Amino acid sequence: MGGDRNQSGGSASSGPKLNSGDEAKPATPGTGENICPDCRGSGRIGAQPCKTCGGTGKVIEGIGGG
């Protein structure tokens, strides 16, 4: 049984890949999507995918609070 838990736990923990511009995983409380500051939302810099957002045009950032 312990092996089964580790296998399913490993699959669940792999989750979405973080890009270099992400501050947290998607859907983390206190975060939201923002336009990538480097490619300005296009997902590309020149002919290459943007390394900051991984080509999505979006980054996950913390949102401010008062």
PDB file of N, CA and C in Angstrom:
ATOM      1  N   MET A   1       0.810  -1.197   0.000  1.00  0.00           N
ATOM      2  CA  MET A   1       0.000   0.000   0.000  1.00  0.00           C
ATOM      3  C   MET A   1       0.853   1.261   0.000  1.00  0.00           C
ATOM      4  N   GLY A   2       1.918   1.247   0.770  1.00  0.00           N
ATOM      5  CA  GLY A   2       2.771   2.426   0.833  1.00  0.00           C
ATOM      6  C   GLY A   2       3.335   2.798  -0.527  1.00  0.00           C
ATOM      7  N   GLY A   3       3.668   1.783  -1.342  1.00  0.00           N
ATOM      8  CA  GLY A   3       4.178   2.058  -2.680  1.00  0.00           C
ATOM      9  C   GLY A   3       3.137   2.725  -3.559  1.00  0.00           C
ATOM     10  N   ASP A   4       1.863   2.302  -3.417  1.00  0.00           N
ATOM     11  CA  ASP A   4       0.799   2.918  -4.205  1.00  0.00           C
ATOM     12  C   ASP A   4       0.649   4.398  -3.865  1.00  0.00           C
ATOM     13  N   ARG A   5       0.735   4.718  -2.600  1.00  0.00           N
ATOM     14  CA  ARG A   5       0.604   6.120  -2.198  1.00  0.00           C
ATOM     15  C   ARG A   5       1.739   6.957  -2.769  1.00  0.00           C
ATOM     16  N   ASN A   6       2.938   6.429  -2.738  1.00  0.00           N
ATOM     17  CA  ASN A   6       4.076   7.177  -3.257  1.00  0.00           C
ATOM     18  C   ASN A   6       3.932   7.424  -4.754  1.00  0.00           C
ATOM     19  N   GLN A   7       3.446   6.403  -5.484  1.00  0.00           N
ATOM     20  CA  GLN A   7       3.275   6.583  -6.923  1.00  0.00           C
ATOM     21  C   GLN A   7       2.235   7.646  -7.214  1.00  0.00           C
ATOM     22  N   SER A   8       1.071   7.580  -6.574  1.00  0.00           N
ATOM     23  CA  SER A   8       0.040   8.572  -6.849  1.00  0.00           C
ATOM     24  C   SER A   8       0.456   9.930  -6.310  1.00  0.00           C
ATOM     25  N   GLY A   9       1.150   9.953  -5.189  1.00  0.00           N
ATOM     26  CA  GLY A   9       1.629  11.221  -4.648  1.00  0.00           C
ATOM     27  C   GLY A   9       2.635  11.874  -5.573  1.00  0.00           C
ATOM     28  N   GLY A  10       3.484  11.045  -6.202  1.00  0.00           N
ATOM     29  CA  GLY A  10       4.458  11.590  -7.131  1.00  0.00           C
ATOM     30  C   GLY A  10       3.785  12.199  -8.346  1.00  0.00           C
ATOM     31  N   SER A  11       2.720  11.572  -8.835  1.00  0.00           N
ATOM     32  CA  SER A  11       2.003  12.103  -9.984  1.00  0.00           C
ATOM     33  C   SER A  11       1.317  13.403  -9.629  1.00  0.00           C
ATOM     34  N   ALA A  12       0.691  13.456  -8.465  1.00  0.00           N
ATOM     35  CA  ALA A  12      -0.044  14.643  -8.064  1.00  0.00           C
ATOM     36  C   ALA A  12       0.892  15.810  -7.797  1.00  0.00           C
ATOM     37  N   SER A  13       2.074  15.535  -7.276  1.00  0.00           N
ATOM     38  CA  SER A  13       2.969  16.621  -6.914  1.00  0.00           C
ATOM     39  C   SER A  13       3.723  17.185  -8.119  1.00  0.00           C
ATOM     40  N   SER A  14       3.732  16.463  -9.251  1.00  0.00           N
ATOM     41  CA  SER A  14       4.454  16.978 -10.405  1.00  0.00           C
ATOM     42  C   SER A  14       3.795  18.252 -10.929  1.00  0.00           C
ATOM     43  N   GLY A  15       2.479  18.331 -10.937  1.00  0.00           N
ATOM     44  CA  GLY A  15       1.711  19.528 -11.242  1.00  0.00           C
ATOM     45  C   GLY A  15       2.243  20.362 -12.396  1.00  0.00           C
ATOM     46  N   PRO A  16       1.725  21.580 -12.528  1.00  0.00           N
ATOM     47  CA  PRO A  16       2.158  22.450 -13.615  1.00  0.00           C
ATOM     48  C   PRO A  16       3.598  22.930 -13.433  1.00  0.00           C
ATOM     49  N   LYS A  17       4.283  23.078 -14.527  1.00  0.00           N
ATOM     50  CA  LYS A  17       5.673  23.534 -14.503  1.00  0.00           C
ATOM     51  C   LYS A  17       5.713  25.035 -14.240  1.00  0.00           C
ATOM     52  N   LEU A  18       6.606  25.449 -13.373  1.00  0.00           N
ATOM     53  CA  LEU A  18       6.798  26.870 -13.131  1.00  0.00           C
ATOM     54  C   LEU A  18       7.798  27.420 -14.138  1.00  0.00           C
ATOM     55  N   ASN A  19       7.519  28.599 -14.645  1.00  0.00           N
ATOM     56  CA  ASN A  19       8.449  29.293 -15.521  1.00  0.00           C
ATOM     57  C   ASN A  19       9.290  30.239 -14.680  1.00  0.00           C
ATOM     58  N   SER A  20      10.373  30.743 -15.234  1.00  0.00           N
ATOM     59  CA  SER A  20      11.281  31.570 -14.448  1.00  0.00           C
ATOM     60  C   SER A  20      10.617  32.844 -13.926  1.00  0.00           C
ATOM     61  N   GLY A  21       9.583  33.337 -14.584  1.00  0.00           N
ATOM     62  CA  GLY A  21       8.907  34.547 -14.137  1.00  0.00           C
ATOM     63  C   GLY A  21       7.793  34.310 -13.138  1.00  0.00           C
ATOM     64  N   ASP A  22       7.449  33.031 -12.877  1.00  0.00           N
ATOM     65  CA  ASP A  22       6.383  32.704 -11.931  1.00  0.00           C
ATOM     66  C   ASP A  22       6.879  32.800 -10.498  1.00  0.00           C
ATOM     67  N   GLU A  23       6.055  33.386  -9.646  1.00  0.00           N
ATOM     68  CA  GLU A  23       6.384  33.468  -8.223  1.00  0.00           C
ATOM     69  C   GLU A  23       5.763  32.312  -7.441  1.00  0.00           C
ATOM     70  N   ALA A  24       4.772  31.631  -8.025  1.00  0.00           N
ATOM     71  CA  ALA A  24       4.087  30.527  -7.360  1.00  0.00           C
ATOM     72  C   ALA A  24       3.385  29.670  -8.404  1.00  0.00           C
ATOM     73  N   LYS A  25       2.881  28.499  -7.976  1.00  0.00           N
ATOM     74  CA  LYS A  25       2.106  27.636  -8.853  1.00  0.00           C
ATOM     75  C   LYS A  25       0.751  28.280  -9.141  1.00  0.00           C
ATOM     76  N   PRO A  26       0.170  28.003 -10.306  1.00  0.00           N
ATOM     77  CA  PRO A  26      -1.171  28.514 -10.597  1.00  0.00           C
ATOM     78  C   PRO A  26      -2.170  28.093  -9.525  1.00  0.00           C
ATOM     79  N   ALA A  27      -3.131  28.956  -9.235  1.00  0.00           N
ATOM     80  CA  ALA A  27      -4.208  28.743  -8.261  1.00  0.00           C
ATOM     81  C   ALA A  27      -3.732  28.790  -6.811  1.00  0.00           C
ATOM     82  N   THR A  28      -2.496  29.245  -6.569  1.00  0.00           N
ATOM     83  CA  THR A  28      -2.035  29.429  -5.202  1.00  0.00           C
ATOM     84  C   THR A  28      -2.769  30.623  -4.603  1.00  0.00           C
ATOM     85  N   PRO A  29      -3.352  30.481  -3.423  1.00  0.00           N
ATOM     86  CA  PRO A  29      -4.041  31.622  -2.808  1.00  0.00           C
ATOM     87  C   PRO A  29      -3.114  32.841  -2.699  1.00  0.00           C
ATOM     88  N   GLY A  30      -3.660  34.012  -2.993  1.00  0.00           N
ATOM     89  CA  GLY A  30      -2.883  35.240  -2.918  1.00  0.00           C
ATOM     90  C   GLY A  30      -2.083  35.536  -4.167  1.00  0.00           C
ATOM     91  N   THR A  31      -2.337  34.796  -5.255  1.00  0.00           N
ATOM     92  CA  THR A  31      -1.627  35.035  -6.511  1.00  0.00           C
ATOM     93  C   THR A  31      -2.622  35.203  -7.649  1.00  0.00           C
ATOM     94  N   GLY A  32      -2.134  35.674  -8.774  1.00  0.00           N
ATOM     95  CA  GLY A  32      -2.959  35.817  -9.963  1.00  0.00           C
ATOM     96  C   GLY A  32      -2.088  35.913 -11.198  1.00  0.00           C
ATOM     97  N   GLU A  33      -2.726  35.810 -12.358  1.00  0.00           N
ATOM     98  CA  GLU A  33      -2.004  35.926 -13.623  1.00  0.00           C
ATOM     99  C   GLU A  33      -1.763  37.390 -13.945  1.00  0.00           C
ATOM    100  N   ASN A  34      -0.634  37.650 -14.558  1.00  0.00           N
ATOM    101  CA  ASN A  34      -0.316  38.979 -15.039  1.00  0.00           C
ATOM    102  C   ASN A  34       0.360  38.825 -16.398  1.00  0.00           C
ATOM    103  N   ILE A  35       0.380  39.874 -17.160  1.00  0.00           N
ATOM    104  CA  ILE A  35       1.061  39.857 -18.455  1.00  0.00           C
ATOM    105  C   ILE A  35       2.562  39.819 -18.206  1.00  0.00           C
ATOM    106  N   CYS A  36       3.255  38.994 -18.970  1.00  0.00           N
ATOM    107  CA  CYS A  36       4.704  38.873 -18.836  1.00  0.00           C
ATOM    108  C   CYS A  36       5.356  40.227 -19.129  1.00  0.00           C
ATOM    109  N   PRO A  37       6.216  40.694 -18.230  1.00  0.00           N
ATOM    110  CA  PRO A  37       6.842  42.000 -18.439  1.00  0.00           C
ATOM    111  C   PRO A  37       7.900  42.004 -19.543  1.00  0.00           C
ATOM    112  N   ASP A  38       8.430  40.835 -19.885  1.00  0.00           N
ATOM    113  CA  ASP A  38       9.504  40.793 -20.876  1.00  0.00           C
ATOM    114  C   ASP A  38       8.986  40.740 -22.316  1.00  0.00           C
ATOM    115  N   CYS A  39       7.973  39.911 -22.578  1.00  0.00           N
ATOM    116  CA  CYS A  39       7.440  39.801 -23.940  1.00  0.00           C
ATOM    117  C   CYS A  39       6.151  40.598 -24.109  1.00  0.00           C
ATOM    118  N   ARG A  40       5.688  41.207 -23.029  1.00  0.00           N
ATOM    119  CA  ARG A  40       4.462  42.013 -23.018  1.00  0.00           C
ATOM    120  C   ARG A  40       3.238  41.229 -23.470  1.00  0.00           C
ATOM    121  N   GLY A  41       3.219  39.938 -23.098  1.00  0.00           N
ATOM    122  CA  GLY A  41       2.051  39.100 -23.365  1.00  0.00           C
ATOM    123  C   GLY A  41       2.054  38.372 -24.684  1.00  0.00           C
ATOM    124  N   SER A  42       3.064  38.574 -25.520  1.00  0.00           N
ATOM    125  CA  SER A  42       3.088  37.906 -26.824  1.00  0.00           C
ATOM    126  C   SER A  42       3.568  36.462 -26.722  1.00  0.00           C
ATOM    127  N   GLY A  43       4.346  36.156 -25.701  1.00  0.00           N
ATOM    128  CA  GLY A  43       4.903  34.814 -25.546  1.00  0.00           C
ATOM    129  C   GLY A  43       6.190  34.603 -26.329  1.00  0.00           C
ATOM    130  N   ARG A  44       6.612  35.607 -27.073  1.00  0.00           N
ATOM    131  CA  ARG A  44       7.816  35.471 -27.893  1.00  0.00           C
ATOM    132  C   ARG A  44       8.697  36.699 -27.755  1.00  0.00           C
ATOM    133  N   ILE A  45       9.977  36.473 -27.858  1.00  0.00           N
ATOM    134  CA  ILE A  45      10.951  37.558 -27.964  1.00  0.00           C
ATOM    135  C   ILE A  45      11.718  37.265 -29.240  1.00  0.00           C
ATOM    136  N   GLY A  46      11.468  38.069 -30.249  1.00  0.00           N
ATOM    137  CA  GLY A  46      12.016  37.790 -31.574  1.00  0.00           C
ATOM    138  C   GLY A  46      11.379  36.516 -32.110  1.00  0.00           C
ATOM    139  N   ALA A  47      12.204  35.593 -32.562  1.00  0.00           N
ATOM    140  CA  ALA A  47      11.709  34.333 -33.119  1.00  0.00           C
ATOM    141  C   ALA A  47      11.645  33.217 -32.077  1.00  0.00           C
ATOM    142  N   GLN A  48      12.052  33.511 -30.843  1.00  0.00           N
ATOM    143  CA  GLN A  48      12.139  32.486 -29.799  1.00  0.00           C
ATOM    144  C   GLN A  48      11.025  32.634 -28.769  1.00  0.00           C
ATOM    145  N   PRO A  49      10.590  31.512 -28.154  1.00  0.00           N
ATOM    146  CA  PRO A  49       9.639  31.626 -27.040  1.00  0.00           C
ATOM    147  C   PRO A  49      10.281  32.388 -25.883  1.00  0.00           C
ATOM    148  N   CYS A  50       9.496  33.210 -25.218  1.00  0.00           N
ATOM    149  CA  CYS A  50       9.993  33.987 -24.081  1.00  0.00           C
ATOM    150  C   CYS A  50      10.398  33.039 -22.954  1.00  0.00           C
ATOM    151  N   LYS A  51      11.588  33.220 -22.420  1.00  0.00           N
ATOM    152  CA  LYS A  51      12.073  32.359 -21.337  1.00  0.00           C
ATOM    153  C   LYS A  51      11.423  32.698 -20.003  1.00  0.00           C
ATOM    154  N   THR A  52      10.959  33.918 -19.837  1.00  0.00           N
ATOM    155  CA  THR A  52      10.360  34.322 -18.569  1.00  0.00           C
ATOM    156  C   THR A  52       9.016  33.656 -18.348  1.00  0.00           C
ATOM    157  N   CYS A  53       8.174  33.615 -19.384  1.00  0.00           N
ATOM    158  CA  CYS A  53       6.828  33.052 -19.240  1.00  0.00           C
ATOM    159  C   CYS A  53       6.688  31.681 -19.880  1.00  0.00           C
ATOM    160  N   GLY A  54       7.744  31.179 -20.495  1.00  0.00           N
ATOM    161  CA  GLY A  54       7.689  29.881 -21.146  1.00  0.00           C
ATOM    162  C   GLY A  54       6.854  29.894 -22.413  1.00  0.00           C
ATOM    163  N   GLY A  55       6.623  31.080 -22.980  1.00  0.00           N
ATOM    164  CA  GLY A  55       5.857  31.187 -24.213  1.00  0.00           C
ATOM    165  C   GLY A  55       4.362  31.369 -24.011  1.00  0.00           C
ATOM    166  N   THR A  56       3.923  31.486 -22.763  1.00  0.00           N
ATOM    167  CA  THR A  56       2.485  31.639 -22.506  1.00  0.00           C
ATOM    168  C   THR A  56       2.029  33.088 -22.570  1.00  0.00           C
ATOM    169  N   GLY A  57       2.937  34.021 -22.353  1.00  0.00           N
ATOM    170  CA  GLY A  57       2.575  35.430 -22.309  1.00  0.00           C
ATOM    171  C   GLY A  57       2.079  35.866 -20.942  1.00  0.00           C
ATOM    172  N   LYS A  58       2.028  34.914 -19.987  1.00  0.00           N
ATOM    173  CA  LYS A  58       1.523  35.210 -18.641  1.00  0.00           C
ATOM    174  C   LYS A  58       2.486  34.716 -17.578  1.00  0.00           C
ATOM    175  N   VAL A  59       2.518  35.404 -16.454  1.00  0.00           N
ATOM    176  CA  VAL A  59       3.277  34.974 -15.286  1.00  0.00           C
ATOM    177  C   VAL A  59       2.341  34.961 -14.083  1.00  0.00           C
ATOM    178  N   ILE A  60       2.668  34.152 -13.086  1.00  0.00           N
ATOM    179  CA  ILE A  60       1.904  34.082 -11.843  1.00  0.00           C
ATOM    180  C   ILE A  60       2.631  34.927 -10.823  1.00  0.00           C
ATOM    181  N   GLU A  61       1.928  35.920 -10.269  1.00  0.00           N
ATOM    182  CA  GLU A  61       2.533  36.834  -9.301  1.00  0.00           C
ATOM    183  C   GLU A  61       1.679  36.948  -8.047  1.00  0.00           C
ATOM    184  N   GLY A  62       2.323  37.335  -6.968  1.00  0.00           N
ATOM    185  CA  GLY A  62       1.588  37.625  -5.747  1.00  0.00           C
ATOM    186  C   GLY A  62       0.794  38.905  -5.920  1.00  0.00           C
ATOM    187  N   ILE A  63      -0.396  38.932  -5.306  1.00  0.00           N
ATOM    188  CA  ILE A  63      -1.189  40.154  -5.361  1.00  0.00           C
ATOM    189  C   ILE A  63      -1.042  40.892  -4.042  1.00  0.00           C
ATOM    190  N   GLY A  64      -1.055  42.192  -4.107  1.00  0.00           N
ATOM    191  CA  GLY A  64      -0.863  43.005  -2.911  1.00  0.00           C
ATOM    192  C   GLY A  64      -2.095  43.025  -2.031  1.00  0.00           C
ATOM    193  N   GLY A  65      -1.874  43.328  -0.806  1.00  0.00           N
ATOM    194  CA  GLY A  65      -2.976  43.434   0.146  1.00  0.00           C
ATOM    195  C   GLY A  65      -2.740  44.628   1.045  1.00  0.00           C
ATOM    196  N   GLY A  66      -3.765  45.009   1.737  1.00  0.00           N
ATOM    197  CA  GLY A  66      -3.644  46.199   2.558  1.00  0.00           C
ATOM    198  C   GLY A  66      -3.574  45.890   3.958  1.00  0.00           C
TER     199      GLY A  66
END
